[in-house]
């Protein structure tokens, strides 16, 4: 483990698909812990259950059902099916005997062929060094944000712009040896909601559902290189909005994320 995020999302195997997690203080997002950290802990337990390490995360869906509080939590992992190249898992995190979060994950080995599909065109990325750091933390931001460095390249939060979008560079403040799938989940969840691009007053939002796909070989990413985040609101209805997020490493698309969020106030 090399970073604060890795230590915070560490899980201890107990055998029989059972794990113990110690949710750290200092990672809160409102009442509970940062969702990206909780999803990462669940994924770490799933990855530990998979005996073939060449089977890596291809897709994940999850929910934070209730605030996960600092302190001990238990994780239960169930193997749903293990095929010739793909494994399907379900994992649940419990506190006080109740399910607080869950994920389903698909781990698959690399296939021996590739389809010929034109690559995505990377978004315009202003140089990292040309952008200013935006300090985020209490009382104007969540506690967990102290662990990340943000350099916005688009509209600032609560600036009352014309588009519900967000973009900029993001990296963990503590160094890591390499990126892994759990750390990418943290990066996908760390940016503020894109709806803040058009808002002028803070409105608390909570993620109702979270899906992610890893679409590149993470071993090829430089460990200290920041990742470029883009987010946009696709639809808003009845107090819920759908946001699509992407992470880029230069011209390489790293991961895709879709979140349904509820506006709480």
C-alpha atoms as a PDB file:
ATOM      1  CA  UNK A   1       0.000   0.000   0.000  1.00  0.00           C
ATOM      2  CA  UNK A   2       1.480   3.328  -1.029  1.00  0.00           C
ATOM      3  CA  UNK A   3      -1.087   6.089  -0.625  1.00  0.00           C
ATOM      4  CA  UNK A   4      -3.592   7.396   1.900  1.00  0.00           C
ATOM      5  CA  UNK A   5      -6.370   6.084  -0.344  1.00  0.00           C
ATOM      6  CA  UNK A   6      -4.852   2.595  -0.412  1.00  0.00           C
ATOM      7  CA  UNK A   7      -4.558   2.519   3.360  1.00  0.00           C
ATOM      8  CA  UNK A   8      -8.088   3.850   3.833  1.00  0.00           C
ATOM      9  CA  UNK A   9      -9.618   1.238   1.505  1.00  0.00           C
ATOM     10  CA  UNK A  10      -7.574  -1.702   2.824  1.00  0.00           C
ATOM     11  CA  UNK A  11      -9.470  -4.867   3.766  1.00  0.00           C
ATOM     12  CA  UNK A  12      -8.395  -7.783   5.966  1.00  0.00           C
ATOM     13  CA  UNK A  13      -9.342 -11.294   4.770  1.00  0.00           C
ATOM     14  CA  UNK A  14     -10.937 -13.501   7.429  1.00  0.00           C
ATOM     15  CA  UNK A  15     -11.643 -16.550   5.257  1.00  0.00           C
ATOM     16  CA  UNK A  16     -14.770 -17.889   3.632  1.00  0.00           C
ATOM     17  CA  UNK A  17     -15.435 -14.703   1.664  1.00  0.00           C
ATOM     18  CA  UNK A  18     -15.495 -12.614   4.857  1.00  0.00           C
ATOM     19  CA  UNK A  19     -13.440  -9.422   5.278  1.00  0.00           C
ATOM     20  CA  UNK A  20     -12.912  -6.720   7.856  1.00  0.00           C
ATOM     21  CA  UNK A  21     -12.531  -3.049   6.895  1.00  0.00           C
ATOM     22  CA  UNK A  22     -11.589  -0.133   9.127  1.00  0.00           C
ATOM     23  CA  UNK A  23     -13.249   2.968   7.729  1.00  0.00           C
ATOM     24  CA  UNK A  24     -10.911   5.875   8.571  1.00  0.00           C
ATOM     25  CA  UNK A  25     -11.822   9.279   9.938  1.00  0.00           C
ATOM     26  CA  UNK A  26     -10.947  12.191   7.653  1.00  0.00           C
ATOM     27  CA  UNK A  27     -12.628  10.744   4.545  1.00  0.00           C
ATOM     28  CA  UNK A  28     -16.184  11.960   5.107  1.00  0.00           C
ATOM     29  CA  UNK A  29     -18.555  13.175   2.417  1.00  0.00           C
ATOM     30  CA  UNK A  30     -21.444  14.521   4.441  1.00  0.00           C
ATOM     31  CA  UNK A  31     -22.614  12.081   7.125  1.00  0.00           C
ATOM     32  CA  UNK A  32     -20.756   9.076   5.789  1.00  0.00           C
ATOM     33  CA  UNK A  33     -17.469   8.177   4.163  1.00  0.00           C
ATOM     34  CA  UNK A  34     -16.552   9.136   0.603  1.00  0.00           C
ATOM     35  CA  UNK A  35     -18.357   6.766  -1.745  1.00  0.00           C
ATOM     36  CA  UNK A  36     -15.287   6.175  -3.889  1.00  0.00           C
ATOM     37  CA  UNK A  37     -13.400   4.847  -0.860  1.00  0.00           C
ATOM     38  CA  UNK A  38     -16.227   2.463   0.082  1.00  0.00           C
ATOM     39  CA  UNK A  39     -16.589   1.119  -3.459  1.00  0.00           C
ATOM     40  CA  UNK A  40     -12.817   0.631  -3.593  1.00  0.00           C
ATOM     41  CA  UNK A  41     -12.828  -1.391  -0.358  1.00  0.00           C
ATOM     42  CA  UNK A  42     -15.545  -3.660  -1.738  1.00  0.00           C
ATOM     43  CA  UNK A  43     -13.599  -4.117  -4.961  1.00  0.00           C
ATOM     44  CA  UNK A  44     -10.401  -4.967  -3.057  1.00  0.00           C
ATOM     45  CA  UNK A  45     -12.259  -7.775  -1.296  1.00  0.00           C
ATOM     46  CA  UNK A  46     -13.562  -9.055  -4.632  1.00  0.00           C
ATOM     47  CA  UNK A  47     -10.102  -8.915  -6.216  1.00  0.00           C
ATOM     48  CA  UNK A  48      -8.683 -10.917  -3.300  1.00  0.00           C
ATOM     49  CA  UNK A  49     -11.260 -13.671  -3.937  1.00  0.00           C
ATOM     50  CA  UNK A  50     -10.224 -14.041  -7.595  1.00  0.00           C
ATOM     51  CA  UNK A  51      -7.375 -16.594  -7.877  1.00  0.00           C
ATOM     52  CA  UNK A  52      -6.383 -15.628 -11.443  1.00  0.00           C
ATOM     53  CA  UNK A  53      -4.938 -12.127 -11.131  1.00  0.00           C
ATOM     54  CA  UNK A  54      -4.935 -11.645 -14.898  1.00  0.00           C
ATOM     55  CA  UNK A  55      -8.712 -11.360 -14.577  1.00  0.00           C
ATOM     56  CA  UNK A  56      -9.064  -7.632 -13.959  1.00  0.00           C
ATOM     57  CA  UNK A  57     -12.027  -5.331 -13.485  1.00  0.00           C
ATOM     58  CA  UNK A  58     -14.043  -4.811 -16.649  1.00  0.00           C
ATOM     59  CA  UNK A  59     -17.273  -3.380 -15.207  1.00  0.00           C
ATOM     60  CA  UNK A  60     -18.701  -2.529 -11.796  1.00  0.00           C
ATOM     61  CA  UNK A  61     -22.056  -1.332 -10.522  1.00  0.00           C
ATOM     62  CA  UNK A  62     -22.792  -0.331  -6.964  1.00  0.00           C
ATOM     63  CA  UNK A  63     -24.895   1.591  -4.489  1.00  0.00           C
ATOM     64  CA  UNK A  64     -24.212   3.356  -1.219  1.00  0.00           C
ATOM     65  CA  UNK A  65     -27.421   2.442   0.573  1.00  0.00           C
ATOM     66  CA  UNK A  66     -26.755   4.403   3.768  1.00  0.00           C
ATOM     67  CA  UNK A  67     -23.947   6.506   5.285  1.00  0.00           C
ATOM     68  CA  UNK A  68     -20.902   4.374   6.112  1.00  0.00           C
ATOM     69  CA  UNK A  69     -19.474   5.727   9.370  1.00  0.00           C
ATOM     70  CA  UNK A  70     -15.845   5.730  10.531  1.00  0.00           C
ATOM     71  CA  UNK A  71     -15.025   2.525  12.369  1.00  0.00           C
ATOM     72  CA  UNK A  72     -15.150  -1.185  11.706  1.00  0.00           C
ATOM     73  CA  UNK A  73     -17.219  -2.684   8.910  1.00  0.00           C
ATOM     74  CA  UNK A  74     -17.627  -6.213   7.581  1.00  0.00           C
ATOM     75  CA  UNK A  75     -17.632  -7.245   3.932  1.00  0.00           C
ATOM     76  CA  UNK A  76     -19.132 -10.416   2.473  1.00  0.00           C
ATOM     77  CA  UNK A  77     -18.146 -11.543  -1.018  1.00  0.00           C
ATOM     78  CA  UNK A  78     -20.140 -14.049  -3.084  1.00  0.00           C
ATOM     79  CA  UNK A  79     -18.940 -15.626  -6.314  1.00  0.00           C
ATOM     80  CA  UNK A  80     -21.963 -15.699  -8.617  1.00  0.00           C
ATOM     81  CA  UNK A  81     -20.327 -17.515 -11.514  1.00  0.00           C
ATOM     82  CA  UNK A  82     -16.824 -18.274 -12.730  1.00  0.00           C
ATOM     83  CA  UNK A  83     -16.557 -18.958 -16.447  1.00  0.00           C
ATOM     84  CA  UNK A  84     -13.620 -19.810 -18.686  1.00  0.00           C
ATOM     85  CA  UNK A  85     -12.416 -16.186 -18.800  1.00  0.00           C
ATOM     86  CA  UNK A  86     -14.900 -14.087 -16.808  1.00  0.00           C
ATOM     87  CA  UNK A  87     -15.846 -14.057 -13.108  1.00  0.00           C
ATOM     88  CA  UNK A  88     -18.985 -12.485 -11.632  1.00  0.00           C
ATOM     89  CA  UNK A  89     -19.001 -11.330  -7.998  1.00  0.00           C
ATOM     90  CA  UNK A  90     -21.310  -9.634  -5.540  1.00  0.00           C
ATOM     91  CA  UNK A  91     -20.083  -7.945  -2.337  1.00  0.00           C
ATOM     92  CA  UNK A  92     -21.840  -6.220   0.535  1.00  0.00           C
ATOM     93  CA  UNK A  93     -20.541  -3.962   3.293  1.00  0.00           C
ATOM     94  CA  UNK A  94     -22.325  -4.112   6.656  1.00  0.00           C
ATOM     95  CA  UNK A  95     -22.268  -2.003   9.804  1.00  0.00           C
ATOM     96  CA  UNK A  96     -24.423  -2.690  12.835  1.00  0.00           C
ATOM     97  CA  UNK A  97     -25.764  -5.760  11.032  1.00  0.00           C
ATOM     98  CA  UNK A  98     -27.232  -3.767   8.136  1.00  0.00           C
ATOM     99  CA  UNK A  99     -26.152  -3.493   4.502  1.00  0.00           C
ATOM    100  CA  UNK A 100     -24.725  -0.025   3.922  1.00  0.00           C
ATOM    101  CA  UNK A 101     -23.229  -0.554   0.449  1.00  0.00           C
ATOM    102  CA  UNK A 102     -22.995  -3.209  -2.257  1.00  0.00           C
ATOM    103  CA  UNK A 103     -21.309  -3.797  -5.610  1.00  0.00           C
ATOM    104  CA  UNK A 104     -21.459  -6.264  -8.464  1.00  0.00           C
ATOM    105  CA  UNK A 105     -18.228  -6.639 -10.412  1.00  0.00           C
ATOM    106  CA  UNK A 106     -17.132  -8.423 -13.580  1.00  0.00           C
ATOM    107  CA  UNK A 107     -13.486  -9.507 -13.752  1.00  0.00           C
ATOM    108  CA  UNK A 108     -12.242 -10.811 -17.067  1.00  0.00           C
ATOM    109  CA  UNK A 109      -9.025 -11.992 -18.690  1.00  0.00           C
ATOM    110  CA  UNK A 110      -7.710 -10.224 -21.781  1.00  0.00           C
ATOM    111  CA  UNK A 111      -9.044 -11.570 -25.080  1.00  0.00           C
ATOM    112  CA  UNK A 112      -6.664 -12.633 -27.889  1.00  0.00           C
ATOM    113  CA  UNK A 113      -8.179 -10.265 -30.446  1.00  0.00           C
ATOM    114  CA  UNK A 114      -9.251  -6.639 -30.809  1.00  0.00           C
ATOM    115  CA  UNK A 115     -12.020  -5.122 -32.914  1.00  0.00           C
ATOM    116  CA  UNK A 116     -11.111  -2.317 -35.314  1.00  0.00           C
ATOM    117  CA  UNK A 117     -12.882   0.690 -33.810  1.00  0.00           C
ATOM    118  CA  UNK A 118     -11.706   4.281 -34.347  1.00  0.00           C
ATOM    119  CA  UNK A 119     -10.342   5.662 -31.056  1.00  0.00           C
ATOM    120  CA  UNK A 120     -12.174   8.383 -29.178  1.00  0.00           C
ATOM    121  CA  UNK A 121     -10.865  11.901 -29.671  1.00  0.00           C
ATOM    122  CA  UNK A 122      -9.520  13.216 -26.382  1.00  0.00           C
ATOM    123  CA  UNK A 123     -11.059  16.406 -24.977  1.00  0.00           C
ATOM    124  CA  UNK A 124      -9.089  19.629 -25.022  1.00  0.00           C
ATOM    125  CA  UNK A 125      -6.728  19.447 -22.064  1.00  0.00           C
ATOM    126  CA  UNK A 126      -5.089  22.649 -20.904  1.00  0.00           C
ATOM    127  CA  UNK A 127      -1.666  21.887 -19.449  1.00  0.00           C
ATOM    128  CA  UNK A 128      -1.599  20.869 -15.798  1.00  0.00           C
ATOM    129  CA  UNK A 129       1.127  23.402 -15.025  1.00  0.00           C
ATOM    130  CA  UNK A 130      -0.901  26.263 -16.531  1.00  0.00           C
ATOM    131  CA  UNK A 131      -3.839  25.814 -14.152  1.00  0.00           C
ATOM    132  CA  UNK A 132      -4.223  26.920 -10.567  1.00  0.00           C
ATOM    133  CA  UNK A 133      -4.915  24.555  -7.680  1.00  0.00           C
ATOM    134  CA  UNK A 134      -8.423  24.966  -6.268  1.00  0.00           C
ATOM    135  CA  UNK A 135      -8.357  24.285  -2.510  1.00  0.00           C
ATOM    136  CA  UNK A 136     -11.409  22.243  -1.534  1.00  0.00           C
ATOM    137  CA  UNK A 137     -12.375  21.342   2.003  1.00  0.00           C
ATOM    138  CA  UNK A 138     -14.587  22.253   4.952  1.00  0.00           C
ATOM    139  CA  UNK A 139     -16.673  24.331   5.331  1.00  0.00           C
ATOM    140  CA  UNK A 140     -17.138  24.773   1.557  1.00  0.00           C
ATOM    141  CA  UNK A 141     -16.271  21.258   0.460  1.00  0.00           C
ATOM    142  CA  UNK A 142     -16.296  17.655   1.710  1.00  0.00           C
ATOM    143  CA  UNK A 143     -13.668  16.445   4.183  1.00  0.00           C
ATOM    144  CA  UNK A 144     -12.314  13.747   1.851  1.00  0.00           C
ATOM    145  CA  UNK A 145     -11.312  16.340  -0.779  1.00  0.00           C
ATOM    146  CA  UNK A 146      -8.243  17.207   1.314  1.00  0.00           C
ATOM    147  CA  UNK A 147      -6.649  14.025  -0.082  1.00  0.00           C
ATOM    148  CA  UNK A 148      -6.864  15.186  -3.722  1.00  0.00           C
ATOM    149  CA  UNK A 149      -5.421  18.053  -5.746  1.00  0.00           C
ATOM    150  CA  UNK A 150      -7.891  19.737  -8.118  1.00  0.00           C
ATOM    151  CA  UNK A 151      -6.986  21.983 -11.041  1.00  0.00           C
ATOM    152  CA  UNK A 152     -10.208  22.997 -12.842  1.00  0.00           C
ATOM    153  CA  UNK A 153     -10.018  23.679 -16.567  1.00  0.00           C
ATOM    154  CA  UNK A 154     -13.665  24.676 -16.947  1.00  0.00           C
ATOM    155  CA  UNK A 155     -16.346  26.423 -14.943  1.00  0.00           C
ATOM    156  CA  UNK A 156     -15.773  26.665 -11.217  1.00  0.00           C
ATOM    157  CA  UNK A 157     -18.403  25.121  -8.921  1.00  0.00           C
ATOM    158  CA  UNK A 158     -21.396  27.353  -8.170  1.00  0.00           C
ATOM    159  CA  UNK A 159     -20.364  29.834 -10.856  1.00  0.00           C
ATOM    160  CA  UNK A 160     -23.808  30.017 -12.481  1.00  0.00           C
ATOM    161  CA  UNK A 161     -22.645  29.060 -15.980  1.00  0.00           C
ATOM    162  CA  UNK A 162     -24.687  27.957 -18.977  1.00  0.00           C
ATOM    163  CA  UNK A 163     -23.663  24.281 -19.072  1.00  0.00           C
ATOM    164  CA  UNK A 164     -23.876  21.541 -16.451  1.00  0.00           C
ATOM    165  CA  UNK A 165     -20.330  20.352 -17.096  1.00  0.00           C
ATOM    166  CA  UNK A 166     -17.062  20.020 -15.203  1.00  0.00           C
ATOM    167  CA  UNK A 167     -13.503  19.309 -16.251  1.00  0.00           C
ATOM    168  CA  UNK A 168      -9.968  19.534 -14.986  1.00  0.00           C
ATOM    169  CA  UNK A 169      -6.939  17.683 -13.673  1.00  0.00           C
ATOM    170  CA  UNK A 170      -7.046  15.491 -10.597  1.00  0.00           C
ATOM    171  CA  UNK A 171      -4.501  13.504  -8.602  1.00  0.00           C
ATOM    172  CA  UNK A 172      -3.997  12.127  -5.129  1.00  0.00           C
ATOM    173  CA  UNK A 173      -1.768  14.235  -2.891  1.00  0.00           C
ATOM    174  CA  UNK A 174       0.052  11.223  -1.448  1.00  0.00           C
ATOM    175  CA  UNK A 175       2.273   9.336  -3.857  1.00  0.00           C
ATOM    176  CA  UNK A 176       1.389   5.900  -5.156  1.00  0.00           C
ATOM    177  CA  UNK A 177       3.517   3.288  -6.903  1.00  0.00           C
ATOM    178  CA  UNK A 178       0.896   2.471  -9.514  1.00  0.00           C
ATOM    179  CA  UNK A 179      -2.737   2.932 -10.425  1.00  0.00           C
ATOM    180  CA  UNK A 180      -5.125   0.061  -9.757  1.00  0.00           C
ATOM    181  CA  UNK A 181      -8.843  -0.368 -10.329  1.00  0.00           C
ATOM    182  CA  UNK A 182      -9.867   0.657  -6.772  1.00  0.00           C
ATOM    183  CA  UNK A 183      -7.883   3.912  -7.048  1.00  0.00           C
ATOM    184  CA  UNK A 184      -9.585   4.664 -10.375  1.00  0.00           C
ATOM    185  CA  UNK A 185     -12.989   4.301  -8.679  1.00  0.00           C
ATOM    186  CA  UNK A 186     -11.838   6.946  -6.209  1.00  0.00           C
ATOM    187  CA  UNK A 187     -10.809   9.300  -9.014  1.00  0.00           C
ATOM    188  CA  UNK A 188     -14.132   8.798 -10.813  1.00  0.00           C
ATOM    189  CA  UNK A 189     -16.085   9.773  -7.705  1.00  0.00           C
ATOM    190  CA  UNK A 190     -13.852  12.561  -6.394  1.00  0.00           C
ATOM    191  CA  UNK A 191     -14.958  15.510  -8.579  1.00  0.00           C
ATOM    192  CA  UNK A 192     -17.909  17.684  -7.640  1.00  0.00           C
ATOM    193  CA  UNK A 193     -21.247  17.106  -9.447  1.00  0.00           C
ATOM    194  CA  UNK A 194     -21.340  18.717 -12.886  1.00  0.00           C
ATOM    195  CA  UNK A 195     -24.686  20.310 -12.002  1.00  0.00           C
ATOM    196  CA  UNK A 196     -22.701  22.747  -9.840  1.00  0.00           C
ATOM    197  CA  UNK A 197     -21.565  24.353 -13.106  1.00  0.00           C
ATOM    198  CA  UNK A 198     -24.980  26.028 -13.445  1.00  0.00           C
ATOM    199  CA  UNK A 199     -25.891  26.387  -9.767  1.00  0.00           C
ATOM    200  CA  UNK A 200     -25.053  29.436  -7.654  1.00  0.00           C
ATOM    201  CA  UNK A 201     -25.868  28.026  -4.215  1.00  0.00           C
ATOM    202  CA  UNK A 202     -24.651  24.707  -2.796  1.00  0.00           C
ATOM    203  CA  UNK A 203     -27.162  21.865  -2.927  1.00  0.00           C
ATOM    204  CA  UNK A 204     -26.216  18.599  -1.237  1.00  0.00           C
ATOM    205  CA  UNK A 205     -26.337  15.645  -3.641  1.00  0.00           C
ATOM    206  CA  UNK A 206     -26.073  11.916  -3.012  1.00  0.00           C
ATOM    207  CA  UNK A 207     -25.145   9.149  -5.438  1.00  0.00           C
ATOM    208  CA  UNK A 208     -28.015   6.672  -5.870  1.00  0.00           C
ATOM    209  CA  UNK A 209     -26.298   4.372  -8.357  1.00  0.00           C
ATOM    210  CA  UNK A 210     -22.735   4.108  -9.673  1.00  0.00           C
ATOM    211  CA  UNK A 211     -21.368   2.221 -12.661  1.00  0.00           C
ATOM    212  CA  UNK A 212     -17.801   2.159 -13.967  1.00  0.00           C
ATOM    213  CA  UNK A 213     -15.825   0.540 -16.763  1.00  0.00           C
ATOM    214  CA  UNK A 214     -12.030   0.332 -16.990  1.00  0.00           C
ATOM    215  CA  UNK A 215     -11.064   0.605 -20.664  1.00  0.00           C
ATOM    216  CA  UNK A 216      -7.245   0.613 -20.699  1.00  0.00           C
ATOM    217  CA  UNK A 217      -4.298  -1.247 -19.179  1.00  0.00           C
ATOM    218  CA  UNK A 218      -3.686   0.576 -15.896  1.00  0.00           C
ATOM    219  CA  UNK A 219      -0.150  -0.814 -15.683  1.00  0.00           C
ATOM    220  CA  UNK A 220       0.812   1.503 -18.555  1.00  0.00           C
ATOM    221  CA  UNK A 221      -0.197   4.716 -16.725  1.00  0.00           C
ATOM    222  CA  UNK A 222       2.556   6.775 -15.062  1.00  0.00           C
ATOM    223  CA  UNK A 223       1.809   6.627 -11.339  1.00  0.00           C
ATOM    224  CA  UNK A 224       2.324  10.329 -10.552  1.00  0.00           C
ATOM    225  CA  UNK A 225       0.647  11.628 -13.686  1.00  0.00           C
ATOM    226  CA  UNK A 226      -2.614  13.461 -12.990  1.00  0.00           C
ATOM    227  CA  UNK A 227      -5.756  12.298 -14.759  1.00  0.00           C
ATOM    228  CA  UNK A 228      -8.065  14.588 -16.704  1.00  0.00           C
ATOM    229  CA  UNK A 229     -11.697  14.490 -15.568  1.00  0.00           C
ATOM    230  CA  UNK A 230     -14.752  15.402 -17.615  1.00  0.00           C
ATOM    231  CA  UNK A 231     -18.346  15.292 -16.409  1.00  0.00           C
ATOM    232  CA  UNK A 232     -21.676  16.334 -17.863  1.00  0.00           C
ATOM    233  CA  UNK A 233     -25.307  16.106 -16.799  1.00  0.00           C
ATOM    234  CA  UNK A 234     -27.302  14.185 -19.408  1.00  0.00           C
ATOM    235  CA  UNK A 235     -30.775  14.475 -17.864  1.00  0.00           C
ATOM    236  CA  UNK A 236     -32.576  15.869 -14.823  1.00  0.00           C
ATOM    237  CA  UNK A 237     -36.019  14.801 -13.633  1.00  0.00           C
ATOM    238  CA  UNK A 238     -37.960  14.777 -10.352  1.00  0.00           C
ATOM    239  CA  UNK A 239     -34.939  15.689  -8.231  1.00  0.00           C
ATOM    240  CA  UNK A 240     -32.600  13.093  -9.781  1.00  0.00           C
ATOM    241  CA  UNK A 241     -29.965  13.698 -12.437  1.00  0.00           C
ATOM    242  CA  UNK A 242     -27.827  11.455 -14.602  1.00  0.00           C
ATOM    243  CA  UNK A 243     -24.144  12.390 -14.929  1.00  0.00           C
ATOM    244  CA  UNK A 244     -21.571  10.786 -17.242  1.00  0.00           C
ATOM    245  CA  UNK A 245     -17.887  11.061 -16.323  1.00  0.00           C
ATOM    246  CA  UNK A 246     -14.640  10.173 -18.082  1.00  0.00           C
ATOM    247  CA  UNK A 247     -11.006   9.937 -17.019  1.00  0.00           C
ATOM    248  CA  UNK A 248      -8.231  10.552 -19.530  1.00  0.00           C
ATOM    249  CA  UNK A 249      -4.458  10.113 -19.461  1.00  0.00           C
ATOM    250  CA  UNK A 250      -3.384  12.378 -22.310  1.00  0.00           C
ATOM    251  CA  UNK A 251      -4.921  10.839 -25.469  1.00  0.00           C
ATOM    252  CA  UNK A 252      -5.895   7.613 -23.684  1.00  0.00           C
ATOM    253  CA  UNK A 253      -9.392   7.065 -22.318  1.00  0.00           C
ATOM    254  CA  UNK A 254      -8.895   5.362 -18.944  1.00  0.00           C
ATOM    255  CA  UNK A 255     -12.384   4.837 -17.510  1.00  0.00           C
ATOM    256  CA  UNK A 256     -16.053   5.678 -17.942  1.00  0.00           C
ATOM    257  CA  UNK A 257     -18.535   6.350 -15.165  1.00  0.00           C
ATOM    258  CA  UNK A 258     -22.279   6.908 -14.961  1.00  0.00           C
ATOM    259  CA  UNK A 259     -23.938   8.108 -11.778  1.00  0.00           C
ATOM    260  CA  UNK A 260     -27.536   8.771 -10.860  1.00  0.00           C
ATOM    261  CA  UNK A 261     -27.614  11.407  -8.145  1.00  0.00           C
ATOM    262  CA  UNK A 262     -30.392  12.727  -5.944  1.00  0.00           C
ATOM    263  CA  UNK A 263     -30.663  16.401  -5.010  1.00  0.00           C
ATOM    264  CA  UNK A 264     -31.169  16.447  -1.237  1.00  0.00           C
ATOM    265  CA  UNK A 265     -31.975  20.104  -0.704  1.00  0.00           C
END
